[in-house]
C-alpha atoms as a PDB file:
ATOM      1  CA  MET A   1       0.000   0.000   0.000  1.00  0.00           C
ATOM      2  CA  SER A   2       1.384   3.419  -0.933  1.00  0.00           C
ATOM      3  CA  GLN A   3       1.211   6.467   1.288  1.00  0.00           C
ATOM      4  CA  ILE A   4       0.130   9.739  -0.324  1.00  0.00           C
ATOM      5  CA  ILE A   5       2.249  12.692   0.752  1.00  0.00           C
ATOM      6  CA  ASN A   6       0.919  16.172   0.078  1.00  0.00           C
ATOM      7  CA  GLY A   7       2.769  18.226   2.705  1.00  0.00           C
ATOM      8  CA  ARG A   8      -0.163  20.245   4.080  1.00  0.00           C
ATOM      9  CA  TRP A   9       0.648  20.461   7.782  1.00  0.00           C
ATOM     10  CA  ASP A  10      -1.938  23.103   8.646  1.00  0.00           C
ATOM     11  CA  THR A  11      -5.112  22.349   6.755  1.00  0.00           C
ATOM     12  CA  THR A  12      -7.291  24.724   8.832  1.00  0.00           C
ATOM     13  CA  SER A  13      -5.552  27.872   7.649  1.00  0.00           C
ATOM     14  CA  ASN A  14      -4.364  26.296   4.409  1.00  0.00           C
ATOM     15  CA  ARG A  15      -0.808  27.345   5.190  1.00  0.00           C
ATOM     16  CA  ASP A  16       1.966  24.922   4.458  1.00  0.00           C
ATOM     17  CA  PHE A  17       4.621  25.619   7.095  1.00  0.00           C
ATOM     18  CA  MET A  18       7.325  24.231   4.851  1.00  0.00           C
ATOM     19  CA  LYS A  19       6.514  26.475   1.953  1.00  0.00           C
ATOM     20  CA  ALA A  20       6.115  29.476   4.233  1.00  0.00           C
ATOM     21  CA  GLY A  21       9.536  28.828   5.738  1.00  0.00           C
ATOM     22  CA  ILE A  22       8.315  29.001   9.349  1.00  0.00           C
ATOM     23  CA  LEU A  23       9.918  25.775  10.558  1.00  0.00           C
ATOM     24  CA  SER A  24      13.688  26.001  10.884  1.00  0.00           C
ATOM     25  CA  LYS A  25      14.278  22.311  11.654  1.00  0.00           C
ATOM     26  CA  ILE A  26      12.630  18.981  11.010  1.00  0.00           C
ATOM     27  CA  PHE A  27      12.934  16.319  13.718  1.00  0.00           C
ATOM     28  CA  ASP A  28      12.438  12.753  12.495  1.00  0.00           C
ATOM     29  CA  ASP A  29      13.578   9.934  14.790  1.00  0.00           C
ATOM     30  CA  THR A  30      12.779   7.352  12.111  1.00  0.00           C
ATOM     31  CA  ASP A  31      15.508   8.733   9.843  1.00  0.00           C
ATOM     32  CA  THR A  32      18.239   6.436  11.185  1.00  0.00           C
ATOM     33  CA  LYS A  33      20.374   3.505  10.094  1.00  0.00           C
ATOM     34  CA  ALA A  34      18.557   0.200   9.600  1.00  0.00           C
ATOM     35  CA  LEU A  35      18.967  -2.303  12.462  1.00  0.00           C
ATOM     36  CA  VAL A  36      19.265  -5.896  11.272  1.00  0.00           C
ATOM     37  CA  TYR A  37      19.987  -8.829  13.633  1.00  0.00           C
ATOM     38  CA  TYR A  38      18.929 -12.019  11.857  1.00  0.00           C
ATOM     39  CA  LYS A  39      22.212 -12.580   9.991  1.00  0.00           C
ATOM     40  CA  GLN A  40      23.889 -13.642  13.249  1.00  0.00           C
ATOM     41  CA  LEU A  41      21.289 -16.388  13.743  1.00  0.00           C
ATOM     42  CA  VAL A  42      20.928 -18.206  10.400  1.00  0.00           C
ATOM     43  CA  ASN A  43      22.608 -19.432   7.263  1.00  0.00           C
ATOM     44  CA  ASP A  44      22.055 -16.430   4.974  1.00  0.00           C
ATOM     45  CA  LYS A  45      21.889 -17.692   1.389  1.00  0.00           C
ATOM     46  CA  THR A  46      20.814 -16.513  -2.046  1.00  0.00           C
ATOM     47  CA  SER A  47      18.619 -18.351  -4.527  1.00  0.00           C
ATOM     48  CA  LYS A  48      17.973 -18.014  -8.256  1.00  0.00           C
ATOM     49  CA  ASP A  49      14.926 -20.279  -7.996  1.00  0.00           C
ATOM     50  CA  GLU A  50      11.474 -19.594  -6.551  1.00  0.00           C
ATOM     51  CA  TRP A  51      11.652 -22.715  -4.396  1.00  0.00           C
ATOM     52  CA  ILE A  52      14.470 -24.715  -2.818  1.00  0.00           C
ATOM     53  CA  ARG A  53      14.213 -28.353  -1.785  1.00  0.00           C
ATOM     54  CA  HIS A  54      16.549 -30.077   0.664  1.00  0.00           C
ATOM     55  CA  GLY A  55      16.702 -33.810   1.269  1.00  0.00           C
ATOM     56  CA  LYS A  56      17.927 -35.697   4.326  1.00  0.00           C
ATOM     57  CA  ILE A  57      19.463 -39.174   4.352  1.00  0.00           C
ATOM     58  CA  ALA A  58      21.619 -41.056   6.850  1.00  0.00           C
ATOM     59  CA  GLY A  59      24.504 -43.491   6.873  1.00  0.00           C
ATOM     60  CA  LEU A  60      24.827 -46.847   8.596  1.00  0.00           C
ATOM     61  CA  THR A  61      24.349 -48.011  12.180  1.00  0.00           C
ATOM     62  CA  TYR A  62      27.125 -49.608  14.234  1.00  0.00           C
ATOM     63  CA  PRO A  63      28.067 -53.230  13.470  1.00  0.00           C
ATOM     64  CA  GLY A  64      27.025 -56.088  15.690  1.00  0.00           C
ATOM     65  CA  SER A  65      28.970 -59.137  16.874  1.00  0.00           C
ATOM     66  CA  LEU A  66      28.892 -62.202  14.615  1.00  0.00           C
ATOM     67  CA  ALA A  67      29.182 -65.906  15.325  1.00  0.00           C
ATOM     68  CA  ASP A  68      31.597 -68.070  13.407  1.00  0.00           C
ATOM     69  CA  GLY A  69      30.181 -68.701   9.962  1.00  0.00           C
ATOM     70  CA  GLN A  70      27.353 -66.201  10.345  1.00  0.00           C
ATOM     71  CA  ASN A  71      26.492 -64.092   7.326  1.00  0.00           C
ATOM     72  CA  ILE A  72      27.423 -60.418   7.592  1.00  0.00           C
ATOM     73  CA  PRO A  73      24.149 -58.466   7.597  1.00  0.00           C
ATOM     74  CA  VAL A  74      23.551 -55.831   4.913  1.00  0.00           C
ATOM     75  CA  GLN A  75      21.881 -52.659   6.116  1.00  0.00           C
ATOM     76  CA  THR A  76      19.116 -50.751   4.389  1.00  0.00           C
ATOM     77  CA  VAL A  77      19.916 -47.078   4.017  1.00  0.00           C
ATOM     78  CA  PRO A  78      17.058 -44.899   5.413  1.00  0.00           C
ATOM     79  CA  GLY A  79      15.498 -41.838   3.860  1.00  0.00           C
ATOM     80  CA  PRO A  80      15.204 -39.549   2.185  1.00  0.00           C
ATOM     81  CA  GLN A  81      13.070 -36.927   3.894  1.00  0.00           C
ATOM     82  CA  THR A  82      12.489 -33.590   2.162  1.00  0.00           C
ATOM     83  CA  LYS A  83      11.955 -29.962   3.103  1.00  0.00           C
ATOM     84  CA  THR A  84      10.825 -27.308   0.619  1.00  0.00           C
ATOM     85  CA  TYR A  85      11.413 -23.562   0.980  1.00  0.00           C
ATOM     86  CA  THR A  86       9.258 -21.282  -1.215  1.00  0.00           C
ATOM     87  CA  LEU A  87      10.198 -17.655  -1.788  1.00  0.00           C
ATOM     88  CA  GLY A  88       7.692 -15.016  -0.670  1.00  0.00           C
ATOM     89  CA  ARG A  89       7.172 -11.481  -1.956  1.00  0.00           C
ATOM     90  CA  TRP A  90       7.250  -8.375   0.258  1.00  0.00           C
ATOM     91  CA  GLY A  91       6.907  -4.752  -0.749  1.00  0.00           C
ATOM     92  CA  THR A  92       5.683  -1.264   0.085  1.00  0.00           C
ATOM     93  CA  GLY A  93       5.969   2.276  -1.203  1.00  0.00           C
ATOM     94  CA  PHE A  94       4.782   5.875  -1.073  1.00  0.00           C
ATOM     95  CA  ARG A  95       3.185   8.462  -3.349  1.00  0.00           C
ATOM     96  CA  VAL A  96       4.098  12.131  -3.429  1.00  0.00           C
ATOM     97  CA  THR A  97       2.142  14.873  -5.187  1.00  0.00           C
ATOM     98  CA  ALA A  98       3.745  16.834  -7.990  1.00  0.00           C
ATOM     99  CA  TRP A  99       3.075  20.057  -6.113  1.00  0.00           C
ATOM    100  CA  GLN A 100       4.736  18.858  -2.929  1.00  0.00           C
ATOM    101  CA  GLU A 101       7.726  17.456  -4.788  1.00  0.00           C
ATOM    102  CA  LYS A 102       8.259  20.799  -6.498  1.00  0.00           C
ATOM    103  CA  TYR A 103       7.797  23.173  -3.558  1.00  0.00           C
ATOM    104  CA  ASN A 104       8.687  21.353  -0.332  1.00  0.00           C
ATOM    105  CA  LYS A 105      11.685  22.819   1.516  1.00  0.00           C
ATOM    106  CA  PHE A 106      12.982  19.812   3.409  1.00  0.00           C
ATOM    107  CA  ASP A 107      13.753  17.144   0.792  1.00  0.00           C
ATOM    108  CA  GLN A 108      10.733  15.070   1.699  1.00  0.00           C
ATOM    109  CA  THR A 109      11.059  12.694  -1.243  1.00  0.00           C
ATOM    110  CA  GLN A 110      14.674  11.931  -0.354  1.00  0.00           C
ATOM    111  CA  ARG A 111      13.739  11.386   3.286  1.00  0.00           C
ATOM    112  CA  LEU A 112      10.954   8.999   2.357  1.00  0.00           C
ATOM    113  CA  THR A 113      13.259   7.150  -0.012  1.00  0.00           C
ATOM    114  CA  ARG A 114      15.680   6.538   2.873  1.00  0.00           C
ATOM    115  CA  SER A 115      12.755   5.495   5.035  1.00  0.00           C
ATOM    116  CA  LEU A 116      11.559   3.047   2.401  1.00  0.00           C
ATOM    117  CA  LYS A 117      14.965   1.391   2.182  1.00  0.00           C
ATOM    118  CA  LYS A 118      15.181   1.160   5.978  1.00  0.00           C
ATOM    119  CA  CYS A 119      11.685  -0.302   6.301  1.00  0.00           C
ATOM    120  CA  MET A 120      12.436  -2.955   3.709  1.00  0.00           C
ATOM    121  CA  ALA A 121      15.601  -4.053   5.548  1.00  0.00           C
ATOM    122  CA  GLU A 122      14.055  -4.003   9.022  1.00  0.00           C
ATOM    123  CA  GLY A 123      10.791  -5.509   7.800  1.00  0.00           C
ATOM    124  CA  LYS A 124      12.715  -8.563   6.629  1.00  0.00           C
ATOM    125  CA  ASP A 125      14.429  -8.768  10.009  1.00  0.00           C
ATOM    126  CA  VAL A 126      11.108  -8.604  11.863  1.00  0.00           C
ATOM    127  CA  GLU A 127       9.591 -11.283   9.617  1.00  0.00           C
ATOM    128  CA  ILE A 128      12.489 -13.711  10.059  1.00  0.00           C
ATOM    129  CA  HIS A 129      12.378 -13.218  13.830  1.00  0.00           C
ATOM    130  CA  ARG A 130       8.872 -14.677  13.847  1.00  0.00           C
ATOM    131  CA  MET A 131      10.646 -18.026  13.651  1.00  0.00           C
ATOM    132  CA  PHE A 132      12.482 -17.336  16.924  1.00  0.00           C
ATOM    133  CA  ASN A 133       9.605 -15.577  18.665  1.00  0.00           C
ATOM    134  CA  ASN A 134       7.222 -18.449  17.896  1.00  0.00           C
ATOM    135  CA  PRO A 135       9.371 -21.615  17.979  1.00  0.00           C
ATOM    136  CA  THR A 136       6.589 -23.911  19.222  1.00  0.00           C
ATOM    137  CA  VAL A 137       4.120 -23.223  16.389  1.00  0.00           C
ATOM    138  CA  SER A 138       4.262 -23.877  12.652  1.00  0.00           C
ATOM    139  CA  THR A 139       2.522 -20.637  11.611  1.00  0.00           C
ATOM    140  CA  TYR A 140       5.628 -18.837  10.366  1.00  0.00           C
ATOM    141  CA  ALA A 141       8.621 -21.151   9.894  1.00  0.00           C
ATOM    142  CA  GLY A 142       6.628 -24.291   9.168  1.00  0.00           C
ATOM    143  CA  THR A 143       8.057 -27.663  10.139  1.00  0.00           C
ATOM    144  CA  GLY A 144      11.316 -29.518   9.560  1.00  0.00           C
ATOM    145  CA  PHE A 145      12.269 -32.862   8.063  1.00  0.00           C
ATOM    146  CA  ASP A 146      10.499 -34.781  10.827  1.00  0.00           C
ATOM    147  CA  GLY A 147       7.258 -32.823  10.429  1.00  0.00           C
ATOM    148  CA  GLN A 148       7.655 -31.025  13.775  1.00  0.00           C
ATOM    149  CA  VAL A 149       8.052 -27.380  14.785  1.00  0.00           C
ATOM    150  CA  LEU A 150      11.370 -25.719  15.629  1.00  0.00           C
ATOM    151  CA  ALA A 151      11.267 -26.339  19.409  1.00  0.00           C
ATOM    152  CA  TYR A 152       9.731 -29.726  20.185  1.00  0.00           C
ATOM    153  CA  ALA A 153      10.062 -32.318  22.942  1.00  0.00           C
ATOM    154  CA  THR A 154      10.227 -35.442  20.761  1.00  0.00           C
ATOM    155  CA  HIS A 155      12.019 -34.728  17.510  1.00  0.00           C
ATOM    156  CA  THR A 156      12.795 -37.905  15.587  1.00  0.00           C
ATOM    157  CA  GLY A 157      15.558 -39.056  13.271  1.00  0.00           C
ATOM    158  CA  LEU A 158      15.785 -41.867  10.741  1.00  0.00           C
ATOM    159  CA  LEU A 159      16.721 -44.784  12.982  1.00  0.00           C
ATOM    160  CA  SER A 160      14.183 -47.587  12.669  1.00  0.00           C
ATOM    161  CA  GLY A 161      13.025 -49.564  15.706  1.00  0.00           C
ATOM    162  CA  SER A 162      14.740 -47.358  18.297  1.00  0.00           C
ATOM    163  CA  THR A 163      14.413 -43.974  19.985  1.00  0.00           C
ATOM    164  CA  ASP A 164      18.182 -43.356  20.292  1.00  0.00           C
ATOM    165  CA  ASP A 165      17.869 -40.693  17.595  1.00  0.00           C
ATOM    166  CA  ASN A 166      15.054 -38.798  19.347  1.00  0.00           C
ATOM    167  CA  TYR A 167      15.842 -35.468  20.977  1.00  0.00           C
ATOM    168  CA  ASP A 168      14.196 -32.721  23.024  1.00  0.00           C
ATOM    169  CA  ASN A 169      15.454 -29.221  22.187  1.00  0.00           C
ATOM    170  CA  ILE A 170      13.441 -27.293  24.807  1.00  0.00           C
ATOM    171  CA  LEU A 171      14.887 -26.522  28.264  1.00  0.00           C
ATOM    172  CA  SER A 172      12.276 -24.083  29.691  1.00  0.00           C
ATOM    173  CA  VAL A 173      14.656 -22.640  32.310  1.00  0.00           C
ATOM    174  CA  THR A 174      15.823 -19.156  33.347  1.00  0.00           C
ATOM    175  CA  PRO A 175      19.399 -17.857  32.974  1.00  0.00           C
ATOM    176  CA  SER A 176      21.718 -19.557  35.472  1.00  0.00           C
ATOM    177  CA  TYR A 177      24.838 -21.681  35.801  1.00  0.00           C
ATOM    178  CA  SER A 178      22.703 -24.813  35.778  1.00  0.00           C
ATOM    179  CA  ALA A 179      21.063 -23.610  32.565  1.00  0.00           C
ATOM    180  CA  LEU A 180      24.484 -23.388  30.879  1.00  0.00           C
ATOM    181  CA  ALA A 181      25.352 -26.826  32.239  1.00  0.00           C
ATOM    182  CA  SER A 182      22.187 -28.163  30.606  1.00  0.00           C
ATOM    183  CA  VAL A 183      23.136 -26.421  27.353  1.00  0.00           C
ATOM    184  CA  ARG A 184      26.581 -28.005  27.352  1.00  0.00           C
ATOM    185  CA  TYR A 185      25.178 -31.445  28.143  1.00  0.00           C
ATOM    186  CA  TYR A 186      22.598 -31.187  25.339  1.00  0.00           C
ATOM    187  CA  TYR A 187      25.223 -30.471  22.692  1.00  0.00           C
ATOM    188  CA  LYS A 188      27.874 -32.850  23.993  1.00  0.00           C
ATOM    189  CA  THR A 189      25.425 -35.771  24.062  1.00  0.00           C
ATOM    190  CA  ALA A 190      23.510 -34.904  20.872  1.00  0.00           C
ATOM    191  CA  LYS A 191      23.092 -37.880  18.553  1.00  0.00           C
ATOM    192  CA  ASN A 192      22.653 -38.062  14.812  1.00  0.00           C
ATOM    193  CA  ASP A 193      19.879 -39.779  12.862  1.00  0.00           C
ATOM    194  CA  MET A 194      21.455 -43.186  13.517  1.00  0.00           C
ATOM    195  CA  GLY A 195      21.824 -42.596  17.255  1.00  0.00           C
ATOM    196  CA  GLN A 196      25.565 -41.833  17.125  1.00  0.00           C
ATOM    197  CA  LEU A 197      27.268 -38.975  18.958  1.00  0.00           C
ATOM    198  CA  MET A 198      27.721 -35.798  16.902  1.00  0.00           C
ATOM    199  CA  GLY A 199      30.258 -33.934  19.038  1.00  0.00           C
ATOM    200  CA  MET A 200      28.563 -30.543  18.807  1.00  0.00           C
ATOM    201  CA  ASP A 201      29.508 -27.443  20.789  1.00  0.00           C
ATOM    202  CA  PRO A 202      27.314 -24.391  21.412  1.00  0.00           C
ATOM    203  CA  ASP A 203      28.874 -21.176  20.136  1.00  0.00           C
ATOM    204  CA  VAL A 204      26.101 -18.531  20.228  1.00  0.00           C
ATOM    205  CA  LEU A 205      23.827 -17.552  23.132  1.00  0.00           C
ATOM    206  CA  VAL A 206      20.945 -15.275  22.081  1.00  0.00           C
ATOM    207  CA  PHE A 207      18.782 -13.442  24.613  1.00  0.00           C
ATOM    208  CA  GLU A 208      16.275 -10.612  25.008  1.00  0.00           C
ATOM    209  CA  PRO A 209      17.855  -7.413  26.495  1.00  0.00           C
ATOM    210  CA  THR A 210      16.159  -7.805  29.911  1.00  0.00           C
ATOM    211  CA  GLN A 211      18.517 -10.705  30.599  1.00  0.00           C
ATOM    212  CA  TRP A 212      21.719  -8.845  29.706  1.00  0.00           C
ATOM    213  CA  PRO A 213      22.952  -8.148  33.283  1.00  0.00           C
ATOM    214  CA  THR A 214      22.456 -11.765  34.372  1.00  0.00           C
ATOM    215  CA  TRP A 215      24.174 -13.334  31.377  1.00  0.00           C
ATOM    216  CA  MET A 216      27.051 -10.834  31.516  1.00  0.00           C
ATOM    217  CA  GLU A 217      27.735 -11.685  35.153  1.00  0.00           C
ATOM    218  CA  ILE A 218      27.634 -15.408  34.415  1.00  0.00           C
ATOM    219  CA  LEU A 219      29.845 -15.249  31.323  1.00  0.00           C
ATOM    220  CA  ASN A 220      32.333 -12.598  32.462  1.00  0.00           C
ATOM    221  CA  SER A 221      32.962 -13.465  36.105  1.00  0.00           C
ATOM    222  CA  GLY A 222      36.235 -15.158  36.998  1.00  0.00           C
ATOM    223  CA  LYS A 223      34.611 -16.507  40.156  1.00  0.00           C
ATOM    224  CA  LEU A 224      31.137 -17.961  40.475  1.00  0.00           C
ATOM    225  CA  ALA A 225      28.731 -15.022  40.479  1.00  0.00           C
ATOM    226  CA  PHE A 226      25.778 -14.530  42.878  1.00  0.00           C
ATOM    227  CA  GLU A 227      27.410 -16.473  45.744  1.00  0.00           C
ATOM    228  CA  MET A 228      30.080 -16.123  48.430  1.00  0.00           C
ATOM    229  CA  SER A 229      32.657 -18.389  46.797  1.00  0.00           C
ATOM    230  CA  ASN A 230      36.247 -18.446  45.626  1.00  0.00           C
ATOM    231  CA  THR A 231      35.433 -21.181  43.132  1.00  0.00           C
ATOM    232  CA  GLU A 232      36.720 -20.468  39.648  1.00  0.00           C
ATOM    233  CA  SER A 233      33.933 -20.184  37.118  1.00  0.00           C
ATOM    234  CA  PRO A 234      34.151 -22.670  34.218  1.00  0.00           C
ATOM    235  CA  TRP A 235      31.734 -20.514  32.225  1.00  0.00           C
ATOM    236  CA  LYS A 236      33.845 -17.393  31.743  1.00  0.00           C
ATOM    237  CA  ASN A 237      33.872 -16.597  28.010  1.00  0.00           C
ATOM    238  CA  TYR A 238      32.319 -20.020  27.378  1.00  0.00           C
ATOM    239  CA  ILE A 239      29.981 -18.863  24.610  1.00  0.00           C
ATOM    240  CA  LYS A 240      29.436 -15.782  22.446  1.00  0.00           C
ATOM    241  CA  PRO A 241      26.563 -13.664  23.838  1.00  0.00           C
ATOM    242  CA  VAL A 242      24.207 -11.973  21.366  1.00  0.00           C
ATOM    243  CA  GLU A 243      21.687  -9.454  22.702  1.00  0.00           C
ATOM    244  CA  ASP A 244      18.684  -9.447  20.392  1.00  0.00           C
ATOM    245  CA  PRO A 245      16.044  -6.713  20.913  1.00  0.00           C
ATOM    246  CA  ARG A 246      13.860  -8.277  18.204  1.00  0.00           C
ATOM    247  CA  LEU A 247      12.920 -11.051  20.644  1.00  0.00           C
ATOM    248  CA  THR A 248       9.499 -10.108  21.960  1.00  0.00           C
ATOM    249  CA  SER A 249       9.428 -12.054  25.237  1.00  0.00           C
ATOM    250  CA  THR A 250      11.557 -10.885  28.167  1.00  0.00           C
ATOM    251  CA  THR A 251      12.204 -14.534  29.101  1.00  0.00           C
ATOM    252  CA  ALA A 252      13.273 -15.684  25.624  1.00  0.00           C
ATOM    253  CA  TRP A 253      16.753 -17.102  25.078  1.00  0.00           C
ATOM    254  CA  PHE A 254      18.266 -19.864  22.964  1.00  0.00           C
ATOM    255  CA  CYS A 255      21.593 -21.331  21.906  1.00  0.00           C
ATOM    256  CA  LEU A 256      23.015 -22.273  18.529  1.00  0.00           C
ATOM    257  CA  SER A 257      25.848 -24.441  17.291  1.00  0.00           C
ATOM    258  CA  LYS A 258      26.206 -22.172  14.289  1.00  0.00           C
ATOM    259  CA  LYS A 259      29.670 -23.330  13.235  1.00  0.00           C
ATOM    260  CA  ASP A 260      28.607 -26.966  13.104  1.00  0.00           C
ATOM    261  CA  ASP A 261      28.274 -28.477   9.643  1.00  0.00           C
ATOM    262  CA  ASN A 262      24.747 -29.625  10.543  1.00  0.00           C
ATOM    263  CA  PHE A 263      23.447 -26.164  11.459  1.00  0.00           C
ATOM    264  CA  ASP A 264      20.234 -25.900   9.448  1.00  0.00           C
ATOM    265  CA  LEU A 265      18.337 -22.659  10.171  1.00  0.00           C
ATOM    266  CA  ASN A 266      18.135 -20.875   6.837  1.00  0.00           C
ATOM    267  CA  VAL A 267      17.175 -17.688   5.023  1.00  0.00           C
ATOM    268  CA  PHE A 268      17.045 -17.731   1.231  1.00  0.00           C
ATOM    269  CA  THR A 269      16.931 -14.430  -0.670  1.00  0.00           C
ATOM    270  CA  GLY A 270      15.900 -14.360  -4.295  1.00  0.00           C
ATOM    271  CA  GLN A 271      15.875 -10.572  -4.636  1.00  0.00           C
ATOM    272  CA  GLU A 272      17.264  -7.862  -2.398  1.00  0.00           C
ATOM    273  CA  PRO A 273      15.046  -4.767  -2.016  1.00  0.00           C
ATOM    274  CA  ASP A 274      14.926  -2.783  -5.244  1.00  0.00           C
ATOM    275  CA  PHE A 275      13.711   0.804  -5.678  1.00  0.00           C
ATOM    276  CA  PHE A 276      11.498   1.967  -8.498  1.00  0.00           C
ATOM    277  CA  MET A 277       9.960   5.410  -8.986  1.00  0.00           C
ATOM    278  CA  LYS A 278       7.505   6.240 -11.758  1.00  0.00           C
ATOM    279  CA  ASP A 279       4.676   8.578 -12.703  1.00  0.00           C
ATOM    280  CA  ALA A 280       1.329   7.758 -11.119  1.00  0.00           C
ATOM    281  CA  PRO A 281      -1.090   5.878 -13.458  1.00  0.00           C
ATOM    282  CA  ASP A 282      -3.463   8.852 -13.713  1.00  0.00           C
ATOM    283  CA  ASN A 283      -3.441  12.541 -14.689  1.00  0.00           C
ATOM    284  CA  THR A 284      -2.362  13.954 -11.303  1.00  0.00           C
ATOM    285  CA  ARG A 285       1.350  14.059 -12.208  1.00  0.00           C
ATOM    286  CA  ASP A 286       2.078  12.507  -8.826  1.00  0.00           C
ATOM    287  CA  ARG A 287       5.074  10.189  -8.448  1.00  0.00           C
ATOM    288  CA  VAL A 288       4.934   6.693  -6.933  1.00  0.00           C
ATOM    289  CA  ALA A 289       7.923   4.970  -5.341  1.00  0.00           C
ATOM    290  CA  THR A 290       7.865   1.232  -4.637  1.00  0.00           C
ATOM    291  CA  SER A 291      10.252  -1.399  -3.354  1.00  0.00           C
ATOM    292  CA  GLU A 292      10.037  -5.189  -3.542  1.00  0.00           C
ATOM    293  CA  GLN A 293      12.054  -8.103  -2.173  1.00  0.00           C
ATOM    294  CA  HIS A 294      11.810 -11.914  -2.312  1.00  0.00           C
ATOM    295  CA  PHE A 295      12.899 -14.242   0.498  1.00  0.00           C
ATOM    296  CA  THR A 296      11.897 -17.163   2.666  1.00  0.00           C
ATOM    297  CA  TYR A 297      13.099 -18.692   5.921  1.00  0.00           C
ATOM    298  CA  GLY A 298      12.813 -21.873   7.940  1.00  0.00           C
ATOM    299  CA  PHE A 299      14.688 -24.979   9.033  1.00  0.00           C
ATOM    300  CA  GLY A 300      15.187 -28.605   8.089  1.00  0.00           C
ATOM    301  CA  GLN A 301      16.873 -30.253  11.053  1.00  0.00           C
ATOM    302  CA  PRO A 302      16.812 -28.025  14.179  1.00  0.00           C
ATOM    303  CA  LYS A 303      19.198 -30.139  16.262  1.00  0.00           C
ATOM    304  CA  ALA A 304      21.796 -27.346  16.450  1.00  0.00           C
ATOM    305  CA  TYR A 305      19.147 -25.042  17.964  1.00  0.00           C
ATOM    306  CA  LEU A 306      18.306 -25.329  21.666  1.00  0.00           C
ATOM    307  CA  CYS A 307      15.404 -23.290  23.057  1.00  0.00           C
ATOM    308  CA  GLY A 308      16.326 -22.140  26.567  1.00  0.00           C
ATOM    309  CA  ASN A 309      12.988 -20.470  27.162  1.00  0.00           C
ATOM    310  CA  VAL A 310      10.220 -19.001  24.990  1.00  0.00           C
END
């Protein structure tokens, strides 16, 4: 939807303050640099296709003991499972009258052009954060290879006849030393789709700004914080903290093993925001500016994501 800008600030007296030169300064706190946070949290990729399909397979299970003369069993390779990402289209714009564009005194068209570019960048950031602000529903990011949402208590793998490949990536705890211990244990004991250890390590801790003082004390203290103790803290500089003001819940935090080869939270961009300005499709001589971008987001296997709290 385009916004029509005509510049009449005082319609009762029909005086345009800008044209009359009465205002000496324009204050606009939206005219700032775009704030984008999602790139720290996902694989940020480009795509030349309108949809992208990933498939998941697995290797073999461990061998078993054999009796003398027993045939060596031949395993059946499981899979594949698939996940499809489909690009979406986002856009907005504004309309400015020919009169206003000719006579305004504060470069309104240029200001709105900057605003349009900022809104496109931040709008993408807000949209992608729906995945992290709503990890227990499929409304925004959909489901992964196993047909479940991002944060789920019984994710499944490809191992047949066993639950060794199942995993629970929800902690539901508040920031604390024990919470970090649970994080470390989750990653160190994580198993692949055949129930074999993966050897993952958490490397990013993401939290809403309310939690900043608590996490900083935990991660930066040489001694154990919050207690009368000379015990050295094993958690100093253990993980990279990322403060994310796009998280909407004050209790929300999660961890990622972003450097792991199996990290699978993705954003695919088919078109970065463009900018197009043209004459309005009528006889007003107005000008219309529009911007459009194409992207999608989601996950296949969320094992490298651990939801601390929602």
